[in-house]
Amino acid sequence: AAPIARPLGGEAETTEIARPSLVPGMNHCSGGPSTDDFDVLTPLADWVERGRAPERIGGRAGAAMPWPGRTRPSCSFPRRARNGSHGNPETADSLAVSIMAGGGTGGHRTTSAP
């Protein structure tokens, strides 16, 4: 994210117009063992029309995936979902959201981000 953020004035300025989110397990554009069923249009419309930027977008693994029905959040960088050690490990609710220290250069700290 740093190469994107620097020319735009820093992370705070960048996250007002861009929030990259990776889908865990997904190959370059599609495929791979991932939560491949998700709606990005609704959160994007909320951001543009109501000023509510998404911190994460929920996804569900389809029937062809190794874990049908598994849910995971796709978090906006530098956030990521980590094992929260509570609840059903197959659901997004069991995961904690962490922010990688240094903008993704290593380490993480757990936050209460939604």
Protein backbone atom coordinates (compact mmCIF):
# COMPACT_ATOMS: atom_id res chain seq x y z
CA ALA A 1 0.00 0.00 0.00
CA ALA A 2 2.92 2.36 0.61
CA PRO A 3 3.68 2.85 -3.12
CA ILE A 4 0.04 3.84 -3.61
CA ALA A 5 -0.21 5.99 -0.46
CA ARG A 6 2.97 8.06 -0.86
CA PRO A 7 1.95 10.00 -3.99
CA LEU A 8 -1.54 10.60 -2.55
CA GLY A 9 -0.24 12.16 0.67
CA GLY A 10 -0.20 9.16 3.03
CA GLU A 11 -2.41 6.36 4.28
CA ALA A 12 -5.17 8.58 5.70
CA GLU A 13 -5.61 10.44 2.40
CA THR A 14 -5.41 7.25 0.36
CA THR A 15 -8.08 5.38 2.33
CA GLU A 16 -10.54 8.13 1.45
CA ILE A 17 -10.43 7.04 -2.20
CA ALA A 18 -8.97 3.50 -2.29
CA ARG A 19 -9.08 0.47 0.00
CA PRO A 20 -7.51 -2.66 -1.47
CA SER A 21 -9.04 -5.88 -0.16
CA LEU A 22 -7.62 -9.32 -0.88
CA VAL A 23 -9.75 -12.45 -0.78
CA PRO A 24 -7.89 -15.11 1.25
CA GLY A 25 -7.10 -18.19 -0.82
CA MET A 26 -8.26 -16.69 -4.13
CA ASN A 27 -5.91 -16.92 -7.10
CA HIS A 28 -5.06 -13.81 -9.13
CA CYS A 29 -8.59 -13.02 -10.33
CA SER A 30 -10.65 -16.07 -9.43
CA GLY A 31 -10.41 -19.71 -8.49
CA GLY A 32 -8.50 -21.27 -5.65
CA PRO A 33 -9.83 -22.46 -2.28
CA SER A 34 -11.51 -19.24 -1.21
CA THR A 35 -14.70 -17.54 -0.12
CA ASP A 36 -15.62 -16.80 -3.72
CA ASP A 37 -19.22 -15.65 -3.23
CA PHE A 38 -19.36 -12.00 -2.12
CA ASP A 39 -21.11 -8.74 -2.92
CA VAL A 40 -18.80 -5.75 -3.48
CA LEU A 41 -21.38 -3.54 -5.18
CA THR A 42 -23.49 -2.86 -2.06
CA PRO A 43 -20.54 -1.76 0.14
CA LEU A 44 -19.14 0.31 -2.75
CA ALA A 45 -22.48 2.07 -3.25
CA ASP A 46 -22.69 2.71 0.52
CA TRP A 47 -19.25 4.32 0.38
CA VAL A 48 -19.98 6.51 -2.65
CA GLU A 49 -23.57 7.46 -1.78
CA ARG A 50 -23.48 7.58 2.03
CA GLY A 51 -19.79 8.11 2.88
CA ARG A 52 -19.54 4.78 4.77
CA ALA A 53 -16.31 3.15 3.58
CA PRO A 54 -16.13 -0.63 4.02
CA GLU A 55 -13.54 -1.97 6.46
CA ARG A 56 -14.34 -5.53 5.40
CA ILE A 57 -16.63 -7.40 3.02
CA GLY A 58 -18.11 -10.76 3.94
CA GLY A 59 -17.71 -13.76 1.67
CA ARG A 60 -18.98 -17.34 1.60
CA ALA A 61 -17.32 -20.42 0.11
CA GLY A 62 -19.40 -21.92 -2.68
CA ALA A 63 -20.43 -25.55 -3.08
CA ALA A 64 -17.35 -26.37 -5.22
CA MET A 65 -14.90 -25.17 -2.55
CA PRO A 66 -13.22 -27.50 -0.04
CA TRP A 67 -15.26 -25.87 2.77
CA PRO A 68 -18.77 -25.18 1.40
CA GLY A 69 -20.56 -22.54 3.46
CA ARG A 70 -17.41 -21.24 5.22
CA THR A 71 -17.56 -17.48 5.75
CA ARG A 72 -14.60 -15.12 5.89
CA PRO A 73 -14.19 -11.36 5.81
CA SER A 74 -12.12 -9.71 3.11
CA CYS A 75 -10.52 -6.85 5.06
CA SER A 76 -9.32 -3.57 3.65
CA PHE A 77 -5.51 -3.43 3.72
CA PRO A 78 -3.63 -3.30 6.08
CA ARG A 79 -6.29 -5.13 8.09
CA ARG A 80 -6.53 -8.91 8.02
CA ALA A 81 -8.63 -11.62 9.60
CA ARG A 82 -6.85 -13.81 12.13
CA ASN A 83 -7.92 -16.75 14.26
CA GLY A 84 -9.86 -15.29 17.17
CA SER A 85 -9.96 -18.61 19.06
CA HIS A 86 -13.67 -18.36 19.83
CA GLY A 87 -16.80 -19.73 18.23
CA ASN A 88 -17.13 -21.87 15.13
CA PRO A 89 -13.87 -21.71 13.12
CA GLU A 90 -15.87 -22.00 9.89
CA THR A 91 -17.60 -18.63 10.40
CA ALA A 92 -16.35 -15.07 10.04
CA ASP A 93 -17.64 -14.31 13.55
CA SER A 94 -14.86 -16.47 15.04
CA LEU A 95 -12.11 -14.31 13.53
CA ALA A 96 -10.47 -11.20 14.98
CA VAL A 97 -9.48 -8.32 12.72
CA SER A 98 -5.85 -7.24 13.00
CA ILE A 99 -3.98 -4.31 11.54
CA MET A 100 -0.53 -5.20 10.27
CA ALA A 101 2.04 -2.99 11.97
CA GLY A 102 4.00 -0.73 9.64
CA GLY A 103 1.33 -0.78 6.95
CA GLY A 104 1.85 -4.40 6.11
CA THR A 105 5.62 -4.60 6.53
CA GLY A 106 5.36 -7.21 9.29
CA GLY A 107 3.71 -8.05 12.61
CA HIS A 108 0.14 -7.24 13.59
CA ARG A 109 -1.91 -5.78 16.38
CA THR A 110 -5.44 -6.83 17.21
CA THR A 111 -8.04 -4.10 17.06
CA SER A 112 -11.75 -3.72 17.55
CA ALA A 113 -12.23 -2.67 13.93
CA PRO A 114 -15.57 -3.80 12.50
